[in-house]
Amino acid sequence: MSKIVLASGNVGKLKEFSAPLSELDMDIIPQSDFNVSEAEETGLTFVENAIIKARHACLYTGLPAIADDSGIEVDALNGEPGIYSARYSGIGASNQQNLQALLDALKDIPEPKRTARYQCVIVYLSHAEDPTPIICQASWEGKILLAPVGLGGFGYDPIFWVQESNCSAAELTSHQKYTVSHRGKAIRQLLGYLKSHKIEHK
C-alpha cells in the first residue's frame, strides 16, 4: 500500500479522505504523525493555500501529499470569511468561536439573505517540486441558520442549512455528507483523476 501524507491534522478531514482513497490502495497519513508543523497560509486564494500546504508536507516527509483548503463564503458578507474561515475569530480560534463570530456578523441579516456556500480546493503533489499539481474544486450551496442545529460534522456544519436534505450539515451521516458536500465532490474528482491516470507511488 502506497503512502500519501494529508497536509492536515484535522481528524474530520482524515476520515473523509481515507475511505475513498483506500480504493486505490493508498494509505492516507496525517502530517501530524510526522510532527510536521502547520504551513503558514500566505496565499490569497484557496488554490494558493492548498498548494502551499501540500508542498510543505512534501518537503518535510518526502512523500506525495494531498492538501485541502476550504471555507465558507457568505453572500451578505461579500464572500467572507472565505479563506479565513478557520481563523475567522483569530489565530488558533476554535470551531465554536468561529461559528459564533459568523453568527454575530449576520445578526441583522434576515433569513432570505443568508445564502452561503462551502468551497473546497484539493491539491495533489507527487513531490515538493511537482510543476503540475492536480487541482480539484467543488462547492456546496446552502444558507446560514440563526442558531446551531445538530451535533455531527465539524467547522460551520451546525449552522449550514442544506436545502435538498432539509437539515443542517451537522445532522447528515458521514455517507450522506460525502455524497453531497463540497469536499466529497472534490475528493471524487481527485479519485477519478488518479484512477484514469493510473498514478502509482513508490
C-alpha atoms as a PDB file:
ATOM      1  CA  MET A   1       0.000   0.000   0.000  1.00  0.00           C
ATOM      2  CA  SER A   2       1.431   3.358  -1.037  1.00  0.00           C
ATOM      3  CA  LYS A   3       1.598   6.187   1.468  1.00  0.00           C
ATOM      4  CA  ILE A   4       0.371   9.729   0.962  1.00  0.00           C
ATOM      5  CA  VAL A   5       0.581  12.470   3.559  1.00  0.00           C
ATOM      6  CA  LEU A   6      -2.503  14.566   4.250  1.00  0.00           C
ATOM      7  CA  ALA A   7      -1.405  18.137   4.885  1.00  0.00           C
ATOM      8  CA  SER A   8      -3.678  18.442   7.904  1.00  0.00           C
ATOM      9  CA  GLY A   9      -4.086  17.095  11.389  1.00  0.00           C
ATOM     10  CA  ASN A  10      -7.861  17.537  11.238  1.00  0.00           C
ATOM     11  CA  VAL A  11      -9.487  14.243  12.264  1.00  0.00           C
ATOM     12  CA  GLY A  12     -12.683  15.034  10.370  1.00  0.00           C
ATOM     13  CA  LYS A  13     -10.823  15.641   7.126  1.00  0.00           C
ATOM     14  CA  LEU A  14      -8.751  12.486   7.600  1.00  0.00           C
ATOM     15  CA  LYS A  15     -11.918  10.384   7.837  1.00  0.00           C
ATOM     16  CA  GLU A  16     -13.387  11.997   4.721  1.00  0.00           C
ATOM     17  CA  PHE A  17     -10.251  11.286   2.668  1.00  0.00           C
ATOM     18  CA  SER A  18      -9.232   7.862   3.934  1.00  0.00           C
ATOM     19  CA  ALA A  19     -12.146   5.634   2.920  1.00  0.00           C
ATOM     20  CA  PRO A  20     -12.485   6.787  -0.716  1.00  0.00           C
ATOM     21  CA  LEU A  21      -8.754   6.710  -1.429  1.00  0.00           C
ATOM     22  CA  SER A  22      -8.377   3.268   0.140  1.00  0.00           C
ATOM     23  CA  GLU A  23      -9.987   2.031  -3.104  1.00  0.00           C
ATOM     24  CA  LEU A  24      -6.666   2.815  -4.784  1.00  0.00           C
ATOM     25  CA  ASP A  25      -4.641   1.003  -2.140  1.00  0.00           C
ATOM     26  CA  MET A  26      -3.440   4.298  -0.700  1.00  0.00           C
ATOM     27  CA  ASP A  27      -2.706   4.813   2.984  1.00  0.00           C
ATOM     28  CA  ILE A  28      -3.520   8.404   3.957  1.00  0.00           C
ATOM     29  CA  ILE A  29      -1.372   9.539   6.884  1.00  0.00           C
ATOM     30  CA  PRO A  30      -1.927  12.905   8.610  1.00  0.00           C
ATOM     31  CA  GLN A  31       1.102  15.169   8.682  1.00  0.00           C
ATOM     32  CA  SER A  32       0.817  15.287  12.469  1.00  0.00           C
ATOM     33  CA  ASP A  33       2.112  11.685  12.520  1.00  0.00           C
ATOM     34  CA  PHE A  34       5.384  13.052  11.126  1.00  0.00           C
ATOM     35  CA  ASN A  35       5.433  16.018  13.523  1.00  0.00           C
ATOM     36  CA  VAL A  36       5.080  18.357  10.541  1.00  0.00           C
ATOM     37  CA  SER A  37       4.126  21.863  11.603  1.00  0.00           C
ATOM     38  CA  GLU A  38       1.183  23.675  10.050  1.00  0.00           C
ATOM     39  CA  ALA A  39       2.206  25.635   6.956  1.00  0.00           C
ATOM     40  CA  GLU A  40       1.781  29.408   7.033  1.00  0.00           C
ATOM     41  CA  GLU A  41      -1.162  30.113   4.762  1.00  0.00           C
ATOM     42  CA  THR A  42       0.040  33.243   2.987  1.00  0.00           C
ATOM     43  CA  GLY A  43      -1.951  32.764  -0.218  1.00  0.00           C
ATOM     44  CA  LEU A  44      -4.859  34.939  -1.260  1.00  0.00           C
ATOM     45  CA  THR A  45      -6.936  32.117  -2.737  1.00  0.00           C
ATOM     46  CA  PHE A  46      -7.959  28.578  -1.795  1.00  0.00           C
ATOM     47  CA  VAL A  47      -5.765  27.245  -4.619  1.00  0.00           C
ATOM     48  CA  GLU A  48      -2.659  29.111  -3.447  1.00  0.00           C
ATOM     49  CA  ASN A  49      -3.078  27.979   0.149  1.00  0.00           C
ATOM     50  CA  ALA A  50      -3.702  24.350  -0.823  1.00  0.00           C
ATOM     51  CA  ILE A  51      -0.502  24.310  -2.907  1.00  0.00           C
ATOM     52  CA  ILE A  52       1.461  25.904  -0.063  1.00  0.00           C
ATOM     53  CA  LYS A  53       0.230  23.257   2.385  1.00  0.00           C
ATOM     54  CA  ALA A  54       0.838  20.327   0.041  1.00  0.00           C
ATOM     55  CA  ARG A  55       4.371  21.469  -0.818  1.00  0.00           C
ATOM     56  CA  HIS A  56       5.171  21.993   2.852  1.00  0.00           C
ATOM     57  CA  ALA A  57       4.074  18.422   3.663  1.00  0.00           C
ATOM     58  CA  CYS A  58       6.071  17.010   0.743  1.00  0.00           C
ATOM     59  CA  LEU A  59       9.227  18.824   1.801  1.00  0.00           C
ATOM     60  CA  TYR A  60       9.101  17.519   5.354  1.00  0.00           C
ATOM     61  CA  THR A  61       8.071  13.928   4.639  1.00  0.00           C
ATOM     62  CA  GLY A  62       9.414  13.127   1.162  1.00  0.00           C
ATOM     63  CA  LEU A  63       6.010  11.631   0.353  1.00  0.00           C
ATOM     64  CA  PRO A  64       3.343  12.652  -2.150  1.00  0.00           C
ATOM     65  CA  ALA A  65       0.875  14.996  -0.478  1.00  0.00           C
ATOM     66  CA  ILE A  66      -2.767  15.919  -0.599  1.00  0.00           C
ATOM     67  CA  ALA A  67      -3.874  19.264   0.770  1.00  0.00           C
ATOM     68  CA  ASP A  68      -7.341  20.652   1.137  1.00  0.00           C
ATOM     69  CA  ASP A  69      -8.144  24.327   1.534  1.00  0.00           C
ATOM     70  CA  SER A  70     -11.755  25.010   2.163  1.00  0.00           C
ATOM     71  CA  GLY A  71     -14.025  27.562   3.703  1.00  0.00           C
ATOM     72  CA  ILE A  72     -17.427  29.124   3.720  1.00  0.00           C
ATOM     73  CA  GLU A  73     -18.476  32.153   1.680  1.00  0.00           C
ATOM     74  CA  VAL A  74     -21.448  34.238   2.811  1.00  0.00           C
ATOM     75  CA  ASP A  75     -23.034  36.455   0.184  1.00  0.00           C
ATOM     76  CA  ALA A  76     -24.214  39.107   2.667  1.00  0.00           C
ATOM     77  CA  LEU A  77     -20.582  39.466   3.844  1.00  0.00           C
ATOM     78  CA  ASN A  78     -19.166  39.767   0.317  1.00  0.00           C
ATOM     79  CA  GLY A  79     -17.744  36.257   0.438  1.00  0.00           C
ATOM     80  CA  GLU A  80     -16.322  36.356   3.957  1.00  0.00           C
ATOM     81  CA  PRO A  81     -14.929  34.518   5.828  1.00  0.00           C
ATOM     82  CA  GLY A  82     -13.640  32.675   2.726  1.00  0.00           C
ATOM     83  CA  ILE A  83     -10.003  31.670   3.001  1.00  0.00           C
ATOM     84  CA  TYR A  84     -10.004  32.935   6.590  1.00  0.00           C
ATOM     85  CA  SER A  85     -12.781  30.553   7.707  1.00  0.00           C
ATOM     86  CA  ALA A  86     -10.531  28.524  10.038  1.00  0.00           C
ATOM     87  CA  ARG A  87      -9.290  31.684  11.741  1.00  0.00           C
ATOM     88  CA  TYR A  88     -12.285  33.978  11.390  1.00  0.00           C
ATOM     89  CA  SER A  89     -12.257  34.984  15.058  1.00  0.00           C
ATOM     90  CA  GLY A  90      -8.466  34.927  15.355  1.00  0.00           C
ATOM     91  CA  ILE A  91      -5.423  32.672  15.044  1.00  0.00           C
ATOM     92  CA  GLY A  92      -5.945  29.436  16.952  1.00  0.00           C
ATOM     93  CA  ALA A  93      -9.692  30.006  17.272  1.00  0.00           C
ATOM     94  CA  SER A  94     -11.912  27.002  17.977  1.00  0.00           C
ATOM     95  CA  ASN A  95     -14.714  25.860  15.690  1.00  0.00           C
ATOM     96  CA  GLN A  96     -17.217  27.194  18.203  1.00  0.00           C
ATOM     97  CA  GLN A  97     -15.543  30.620  18.342  1.00  0.00           C
ATOM     98  CA  ASN A  98     -15.501  30.919  14.548  1.00  0.00           C
ATOM     99  CA  LEU A  99     -19.104  29.760  14.291  1.00  0.00           C
ATOM    100  CA  GLN A 100     -20.215  32.305  16.876  1.00  0.00           C
ATOM    101  CA  ALA A 101     -18.274  35.081  15.170  1.00  0.00           C
ATOM    102  CA  LEU A 102     -20.124  34.350  11.936  1.00  0.00           C
ATOM    103  CA  LEU A 103     -23.499  34.328  13.683  1.00  0.00           C
ATOM    104  CA  ASP A 104     -22.626  37.678  15.283  1.00  0.00           C
ATOM    105  CA  ALA A 105     -21.640  39.156  11.918  1.00  0.00           C
ATOM    106  CA  LEU A 106     -25.007  38.076  10.491  1.00  0.00           C
ATOM    107  CA  LYS A 107     -27.190  39.036  13.456  1.00  0.00           C
ATOM    108  CA  ASP A 108     -29.068  41.731  11.488  1.00  0.00           C
ATOM    109  CA  ILE A 109     -29.322  39.773   8.221  1.00  0.00           C
ATOM    110  CA  PRO A 110     -32.777  38.246   7.519  1.00  0.00           C
ATOM    111  CA  GLU A 111     -33.128  34.575   6.597  1.00  0.00           C
ATOM    112  CA  PRO A 112     -33.673  35.059   2.829  1.00  0.00           C
ATOM    113  CA  LYS A 113     -30.370  36.926   2.535  1.00  0.00           C
ATOM    114  CA  ARG A 114     -28.231  34.415   4.468  1.00  0.00           C
ATOM    115  CA  THR A 115     -27.223  32.451   1.358  1.00  0.00           C
ATOM    116  CA  ALA A 116     -23.782  30.867   1.512  1.00  0.00           C
ATOM    117  CA  ARG A 117     -21.662  28.101   0.115  1.00  0.00           C
ATOM    118  CA  TYR A 118     -18.803  25.910   1.179  1.00  0.00           C
ATOM    119  CA  GLN A 119     -15.831  25.890  -1.193  1.00  0.00           C
ATOM    120  CA  CYS A 120     -13.179  23.198  -1.391  1.00  0.00           C
ATOM    121  CA  VAL A 121      -9.947  23.020  -3.359  1.00  0.00           C
ATOM    122  CA  ILE A 122      -7.881  19.829  -3.168  1.00  0.00           C
ATOM    123  CA  VAL A 123      -4.313  19.749  -4.465  1.00  0.00           C
ATOM    124  CA  TYR A 124      -2.214  16.644  -5.074  1.00  0.00           C
ATOM    125  CA  LEU A 125       1.558  16.931  -5.434  1.00  0.00           C
ATOM    126  CA  SER A 126       3.662  13.892  -6.326  1.00  0.00           C
ATOM    127  CA  HIS A 127       6.739  15.627  -4.836  1.00  0.00           C
ATOM    128  CA  ALA A 128       7.715  19.034  -3.480  1.00  0.00           C
ATOM    129  CA  GLU A 129       8.879  20.372  -6.853  1.00  0.00           C
ATOM    130  CA  ASP A 130       5.943  18.972  -8.839  1.00  0.00           C
ATOM    131  CA  PRO A 131       5.294  21.624 -11.549  1.00  0.00           C
ATOM    132  CA  THR A 132       1.864  20.273 -12.499  1.00  0.00           C
ATOM    133  CA  PRO A 133      -0.238  19.772  -9.363  1.00  0.00           C
ATOM    134  CA  ILE A 134      -3.616  18.106  -9.672  1.00  0.00           C
ATOM    135  CA  ILE A 135      -6.237  20.678  -8.654  1.00  0.00           C
ATOM    136  CA  CYS A 136      -9.845  19.718  -7.889  1.00  0.00           C
ATOM    137  CA  GLN A 137     -12.532  22.221  -6.893  1.00  0.00           C
ATOM    138  CA  ALA A 138     -16.164  21.943  -5.804  1.00  0.00           C
ATOM    139  CA  SER A 139     -18.798  23.927  -3.913  1.00  0.00           C
ATOM    140  CA  TRP A 140     -21.893  23.237  -1.810  1.00  0.00           C
ATOM    141  CA  GLU A 141     -24.788  25.710  -1.681  1.00  0.00           C
ATOM    142  CA  GLY A 142     -26.776  26.435   1.466  1.00  0.00           C
ATOM    143  CA  LYS A 143     -27.854  29.063   3.977  1.00  0.00           C
ATOM    144  CA  ILE A 144     -26.627  30.185   7.387  1.00  0.00           C
ATOM    145  CA  LEU A 145     -29.024  29.337  10.222  1.00  0.00           C
ATOM    146  CA  LEU A 146     -29.857  31.657  13.108  1.00  0.00           C
ATOM    147  CA  ALA A 147     -28.515  29.136  15.641  1.00  0.00           C
ATOM    148  CA  PRO A 148     -26.626  25.806  15.611  1.00  0.00           C
ATOM    149  CA  VAL A 149     -28.544  22.604  14.881  1.00  0.00           C
ATOM    150  CA  GLY A 150     -27.077  19.084  15.093  1.00  0.00           C
ATOM    151  CA  LEU A 151     -24.055  17.534  16.777  1.00  0.00           C
ATOM    152  CA  GLY A 152     -22.166  15.959  13.856  1.00  0.00           C
ATOM    153  CA  GLY A 153     -19.695  17.286  11.316  1.00  0.00           C
ATOM    154  CA  PHE A 154     -17.192  19.983  12.138  1.00  0.00           C
ATOM    155  CA  GLY A 155     -16.431  23.614  11.368  1.00  0.00           C
ATOM    156  CA  TYR A 156     -19.534  25.578  10.418  1.00  0.00           C
ATOM    157  CA  ASP A 157     -21.671  22.472   9.794  1.00  0.00           C
ATOM    158  CA  PRO A 158     -24.145  23.131  12.668  1.00  0.00           C
ATOM    159  CA  ILE A 159     -25.209  26.458  11.129  1.00  0.00           C
ATOM    160  CA  PHE A 160     -25.082  25.428   7.446  1.00  0.00           C
ATOM    161  CA  TRP A 161     -28.578  24.567   6.200  1.00  0.00           C
ATOM    162  CA  VAL A 162     -28.762  22.055   3.339  1.00  0.00           C
ATOM    163  CA  GLN A 163     -31.987  22.678   1.443  1.00  0.00           C
ATOM    164  CA  GLU A 164     -32.098  19.399  -0.506  1.00  0.00           C
ATOM    165  CA  SER A 165     -31.662  17.381   2.705  1.00  0.00           C
ATOM    166  CA  ASN A 166     -33.899  19.643   4.821  1.00  0.00           C
ATOM    167  CA  CYS A 167     -31.413  19.665   7.691  1.00  0.00           C
ATOM    168  CA  SER A 168     -28.124  21.173   8.798  1.00  0.00           C
ATOM    169  CA  ALA A 169     -24.822  19.726   7.586  1.00  0.00           C
ATOM    170  CA  ALA A 170     -24.236  18.605  11.179  1.00  0.00           C
ATOM    171  CA  GLU A 171     -27.308  16.346  11.003  1.00  0.00           C
ATOM    172  CA  LEU A 172     -26.111  14.388   7.960  1.00  0.00           C
ATOM    173  CA  THR A 173     -24.475  10.987   8.300  1.00  0.00           C
ATOM    174  CA  SER A 174     -20.885  10.680   7.094  1.00  0.00           C
ATOM    175  CA  HIS A 175     -22.099   8.881   3.961  1.00  0.00           C
ATOM    176  CA  GLN A 176     -24.761  11.496   3.227  1.00  0.00           C
ATOM    177  CA  LYS A 177     -22.263  14.298   3.682  1.00  0.00           C
ATOM    178  CA  TYR A 178     -19.703  12.666   1.402  1.00  0.00           C
ATOM    179  CA  THR A 179     -22.380  12.329  -1.286  1.00  0.00           C
ATOM    180  CA  VAL A 180     -23.423  15.993  -1.368  1.00  0.00           C
ATOM    181  CA  SER A 181     -20.657  18.083   0.208  1.00  0.00           C
ATOM    182  CA  HIS A 182     -18.028  20.281  -1.399  1.00  0.00           C
ATOM    183  CA  ARG A 183     -15.222  18.070  -0.097  1.00  0.00           C
ATOM    184  CA  GLY A 184     -16.933  14.861  -1.137  1.00  0.00           C
ATOM    185  CA  LYS A 185     -17.362  16.174  -4.673  1.00  0.00           C
ATOM    186  CA  ALA A 186     -13.736  17.335  -4.857  1.00  0.00           C
ATOM    187  CA  ILE A 187     -12.459  14.018  -3.449  1.00  0.00           C
ATOM    188  CA  ARG A 188     -14.404  12.140  -6.130  1.00  0.00           C
ATOM    189  CA  GLN A 189     -12.806  14.372  -8.778  1.00  0.00           C
ATOM    190  CA  LEU A 190      -9.378  13.509  -7.386  1.00  0.00           C
ATOM    191  CA  LEU A 191     -10.232   9.815  -7.191  1.00  0.00           C
ATOM    192  CA  GLY A 192     -11.353   9.829 -10.822  1.00  0.00           C
ATOM    193  CA  TYR A 193      -8.166  11.549 -11.927  1.00  0.00           C
ATOM    194  CA  LEU A 194      -5.894   9.173 -10.033  1.00  0.00           C
ATOM    195  CA  LYS A 195      -7.775   6.161 -11.436  1.00  0.00           C
ATOM    196  CA  SER A 196      -7.783   7.390 -15.028  1.00  0.00           C
ATOM    197  CA  HIS A 197      -4.098   8.331 -14.977  1.00  0.00           C
ATOM    198  CA  LYS A 198      -3.120   5.196 -13.054  1.00  0.00           C
ATOM    199  CA  ILE A 199      -0.835   7.193 -10.803  1.00  0.00           C
ATOM    200  CA  GLU A 200       1.493   4.952  -8.856  1.00  0.00           C
ATOM    201  CA  HIS A 201       3.775   5.654  -5.908  1.00  0.00           C
ATOM    202  CA  LYS A 202       6.890   4.017  -4.644  1.00  0.00           C
END
